[in-house]
């Protein structure tokens, strides 16, 4: 993976991409959660073989996180991510991107779809934080949407999913642990409760990812 930097008045925004896209795979933007440390190594690096098999990944460090500098404010980060998506799509000669956000990063992922629906053709939310704050806007969109969650997530309560059900949002649900409305599940007895379901169940994450690519 090679590093890139977007310079702006808000600071230096760091992101990574593969050097080439031999197979013309769809561009996928990956947005991490709230930790101030770089989350590439912790969350995306263990899955990079799966990710790179299906997408041309763009791994972002938000302002104030990892190798990026600047204040961790919402508007600046959202604007920077939008610019990076535009830049990478132009470079790859593609019109739309898959956008995937985990935990707090799900807000930024959803915001891209809400603000730039013609730019985002698929949206993936992993253990999404603050889901109720943007749920009503997502309902208005007609896009490929998948959600990956552990029903016993110790950080983001799965009870929030009741709001998704009642909203009528068109989506696919991939869960760790059996759930009446889930489209996929795994043996929860073998997995520790996790706020990182993509790491706890990589094969489930791959199914989730494929659902966004297809």
Protein backbone atom coordinates (compact mmCIF):
# COMPACT_ATOMS: atom_id res chain seq x y z
CA UNK A 1 0.00 0.00 0.00
CA UNK A 2 1.23 3.50 -0.79
CA UNK A 3 0.55 6.64 1.24
CA UNK A 4 -1.02 9.83 -0.09
CA UNK A 5 -1.64 13.18 1.58
CA UNK A 6 -4.32 15.78 0.99
CA UNK A 7 -3.13 19.19 2.15
CA UNK A 8 -5.77 21.70 3.23
CA UNK A 9 -6.42 24.53 5.67
CA UNK A 10 -7.61 21.90 8.15
CA UNK A 11 -4.33 19.99 8.09
CA UNK A 12 -2.83 16.98 6.34
CA UNK A 13 -5.22 14.13 5.54
CA UNK A 14 -3.54 10.74 5.05
CA UNK A 15 -4.90 7.84 3.05
CA UNK A 16 -3.51 4.69 1.44
CA UNK A 17 -4.18 2.82 -1.80
CA UNK A 18 -2.62 -0.10 -3.65
CA UNK A 19 -0.10 0.94 -6.28
CA UNK A 20 -2.12 -0.51 -9.15
CA UNK A 21 -5.58 -1.85 -9.94
CA UNK A 22 -4.70 -4.67 -12.33
CA UNK A 23 -8.17 -6.17 -12.46
CA UNK A 24 -10.11 -2.89 -12.56
CA UNK A 25 -11.83 -3.69 -9.26
CA UNK A 26 -14.41 -1.26 -7.87
CA UNK A 27 -13.09 1.54 -5.68
CA UNK A 28 -13.98 1.08 -1.99
CA UNK A 29 -13.41 3.74 0.65
CA UNK A 30 -12.77 2.42 4.19
CA UNK A 31 -13.37 4.85 7.09
CA UNK A 32 -12.30 3.89 10.61
CA UNK A 33 -13.78 4.64 14.02
CA UNK A 34 -12.96 7.10 16.77
CA UNK A 35 -9.55 5.99 18.08
CA UNK A 36 -6.78 8.58 17.76
CA UNK A 37 -4.29 5.88 16.80
CA UNK A 38 -4.01 4.59 13.25
CA UNK A 39 -6.59 1.86 12.84
CA UNK A 40 -5.24 0.46 9.57
CA UNK A 41 -3.01 -2.02 11.38
CA UNK A 42 -5.66 -3.01 13.90
CA UNK A 43 -8.72 -3.33 11.69
CA UNK A 44 -8.01 -3.33 7.96
CA UNK A 45 -4.53 -4.89 7.72
CA UNK A 46 -5.63 -8.36 8.95
CA UNK A 47 -8.34 -8.33 6.28
CA UNK A 48 -6.40 -6.76 3.42
CA UNK A 49 -6.23 -9.98 1.40
CA UNK A 50 -10.03 -10.31 1.49
CA UNK A 51 -10.50 -6.61 0.82
CA UNK A 52 -8.05 -6.53 -2.08
CA UNK A 53 -9.58 -9.63 -3.65
CA UNK A 54 -12.87 -7.81 -4.22
CA UNK A 55 -12.09 -4.08 -4.28
CA UNK A 56 -9.48 -1.42 -4.94
CA UNK A 57 -9.31 -0.14 -1.35
CA UNK A 58 -8.75 3.41 -0.15
CA UNK A 59 -7.91 3.39 3.59
CA UNK A 60 -8.39 6.77 5.23
CA UNK A 61 -6.99 8.32 8.41
CA UNK A 62 -9.39 11.07 9.43
CA UNK A 63 -8.07 14.48 10.56
CA UNK A 64 -6.56 14.11 14.02
CA UNK A 65 -6.22 10.33 13.63
CA UNK A 66 -3.29 8.13 12.70
CA UNK A 67 -0.96 9.89 10.25
CA UNK A 68 -3.38 12.76 9.62
CA UNK A 69 -3.07 16.07 11.44
CA UNK A 70 -5.61 18.77 12.24
CA UNK A 71 -8.78 19.03 14.34
CA UNK A 72 -11.20 16.11 14.48
CA UNK A 73 -14.27 18.06 13.33
CA UNK A 74 -17.10 16.62 11.27
CA UNK A 75 -17.32 19.07 8.38
CA UNK A 76 -13.61 19.11 7.52
CA UNK A 77 -13.36 15.33 7.57
CA UNK A 78 -16.48 14.92 5.45
CA UNK A 79 -15.20 17.42 2.88
CA UNK A 80 -11.78 15.75 2.74
CA UNK A 81 -13.26 12.29 2.23
CA UNK A 82 -15.46 13.64 -0.57
CA UNK A 83 -12.44 15.15 -2.31
CA UNK A 84 -10.45 11.93 -1.99
CA UNK A 85 -13.31 9.87 -3.42
CA UNK A 86 -13.52 12.24 -6.39
CA UNK A 87 -9.75 12.11 -6.91
CA UNK A 88 -9.49 8.31 -6.75
CA UNK A 89 -12.55 7.76 -8.95
CA UNK A 90 -11.11 10.08 -11.58
CA UNK A 91 -7.75 8.32 -11.39
CA UNK A 92 -9.40 4.90 -11.74
CA UNK A 93 -11.81 6.13 -14.45
CA UNK A 94 -14.82 5.05 -12.41
CA UNK A 95 -18.02 6.94 -11.67
CA UNK A 96 -19.03 5.54 -8.29
CA UNK A 97 -17.49 4.11 -5.13
CA UNK A 98 -18.38 1.65 -2.42
CA UNK A 99 -18.10 3.39 0.97
CA UNK A 100 -17.63 1.38 4.17
CA UNK A 101 -17.49 2.86 7.67
CA UNK A 102 -17.01 1.13 11.01
CA UNK A 103 -18.28 2.39 14.38
CA UNK A 104 -18.02 6.21 14.40
CA UNK A 105 -16.75 6.04 10.82
CA UNK A 106 -20.18 4.80 9.75
CA UNK A 107 -21.42 8.38 10.16
CA UNK A 108 -18.91 9.67 7.62
CA UNK A 109 -19.69 6.80 5.26
CA UNK A 110 -23.42 7.47 5.45
CA UNK A 111 -22.87 11.19 5.02
CA UNK A 112 -21.12 10.58 1.70
CA UNK A 113 -24.15 8.66 0.43
CA UNK A 114 -26.57 11.30 1.73
CA UNK A 115 -24.64 14.30 0.38
CA UNK A 116 -23.38 12.72 -2.86
CA UNK A 117 -25.77 9.90 -3.83
CA UNK A 118 -24.57 9.84 -7.44
CA UNK A 119 -21.01 9.20 -6.24
CA UNK A 120 -21.85 6.26 -3.92
CA UNK A 121 -23.34 3.09 -5.38
CA UNK A 122 -23.05 0.93 -2.25
CA UNK A 123 -22.82 1.62 1.48
CA UNK A 124 -21.51 -0.71 4.18
CA UNK A 125 -21.96 -0.01 7.90
CA UNK A 126 -20.01 -2.04 10.47
CA UNK A 127 -21.17 -1.78 14.13
CA UNK A 128 -22.58 1.66 13.23
CA UNK A 129 -22.49 4.35 15.90
CA UNK A 130 -25.10 7.14 15.92
CA UNK A 131 -27.26 5.28 13.43
CA UNK A 132 -30.48 7.03 14.49
CA UNK A 133 -29.00 10.44 13.61
CA UNK A 134 -28.86 9.68 9.88
CA UNK A 135 -31.31 6.80 9.47
CA UNK A 136 -34.19 8.91 8.15
CA UNK A 137 -31.93 10.34 5.41
CA UNK A 138 -30.76 6.89 4.35
CA UNK A 139 -34.36 5.73 3.99
CA UNK A 140 -34.81 8.30 1.20
CA UNK A 141 -31.99 6.78 -0.86
CA UNK A 142 -32.16 3.80 -3.16
CA UNK A 143 -28.75 2.23 -2.84
CA UNK A 144 -27.06 -1.06 -2.14
CA UNK A 145 -26.82 -1.14 1.68
CA UNK A 146 -25.45 -3.84 4.02
CA UNK A 147 -24.96 -3.79 7.79
CA UNK A 148 -22.52 -5.99 9.75
CA UNK A 149 -23.08 -6.28 13.50
CA UNK A 150 -22.51 -8.49 16.53
CA UNK A 151 -25.84 -8.82 18.33
CA UNK A 152 -23.92 -8.72 21.64
CA UNK A 153 -21.66 -5.79 20.67
CA UNK A 154 -20.28 -4.43 23.96
CA UNK A 155 -19.99 -0.86 22.59
CA UNK A 156 -22.85 -0.22 20.14
CA UNK A 157 -26.02 -1.87 21.40
CA UNK A 158 -27.76 -4.04 18.84
CA UNK A 159 -31.07 -2.84 20.30
CA UNK A 160 -30.55 0.18 18.02
CA UNK A 161 -31.39 -2.16 15.17
CA UNK A 162 -35.08 -1.97 16.15
CA UNK A 163 -35.04 1.54 14.68
CA UNK A 164 -33.75 0.17 11.38
CA UNK A 165 -36.56 -2.38 11.30
CA UNK A 166 -39.28 0.17 11.98
CA UNK A 167 -37.84 2.66 9.48
CA UNK A 168 -38.46 0.43 6.48
CA UNK A 169 -34.84 0.87 5.32
CA UNK A 170 -34.00 -1.49 2.45
CA UNK A 171 -30.84 -3.35 3.47
CA UNK A 172 -29.16 -6.67 4.18
CA UNK A 173 -28.09 -7.61 7.70
CA UNK A 174 -25.07 -9.78 8.48
CA UNK A 175 -24.81 -10.69 12.16
CA UNK A 176 -22.61 -12.57 14.56
CA UNK A 177 -25.13 -14.52 16.61
CA UNK A 178 -28.49 -15.78 15.45
CA UNK A 179 -31.19 -13.20 14.93
CA UNK A 180 -34.66 -13.62 13.49
CA UNK A 181 -34.16 -11.19 10.63
CA UNK A 182 -30.48 -11.78 9.88
CA UNK A 183 -29.44 -12.95 6.43
CA UNK A 184 -26.20 -14.55 7.67
CA UNK A 185 -24.96 -15.78 11.02
CA UNK A 186 -22.18 -17.76 12.65
CA UNK A 187 -21.82 -19.89 15.78
CA UNK A 188 -21.76 -17.21 18.45
CA UNK A 189 -20.65 -19.66 21.15
CA UNK A 190 -17.24 -19.80 19.45
CA UNK A 191 -16.76 -16.03 19.23
CA UNK A 192 -16.08 -13.49 21.95
CA UNK A 193 -18.48 -10.55 22.03
CA UNK A 194 -16.98 -8.01 19.68
CA UNK A 195 -17.17 -4.42 18.51
CA UNK A 196 -15.11 -5.57 15.53
CA UNK A 197 -17.30 -8.21 13.86
CA UNK A 198 -15.18 -8.02 10.72
CA UNK A 199 -12.21 -9.37 12.70
CA UNK A 200 -14.22 -11.83 14.79
CA UNK A 201 -15.75 -13.46 11.71
CA UNK A 202 -13.66 -12.77 8.56
CA UNK A 203 -15.74 -15.08 6.37
CA UNK A 204 -18.87 -13.19 7.39
CA UNK A 205 -17.10 -9.93 6.58
CA UNK A 206 -16.25 -11.31 3.15
CA UNK A 207 -19.92 -12.15 2.54
CA UNK A 208 -20.80 -8.61 3.64
CA UNK A 209 -18.20 -7.15 1.30
CA UNK A 210 -19.30 -9.27 -1.65
CA UNK A 211 -22.88 -8.11 -1.13
CA UNK A 212 -21.69 -4.54 -1.71
CA UNK A 213 -19.67 -5.40 -4.80
CA UNK A 214 -22.38 -7.43 -6.55
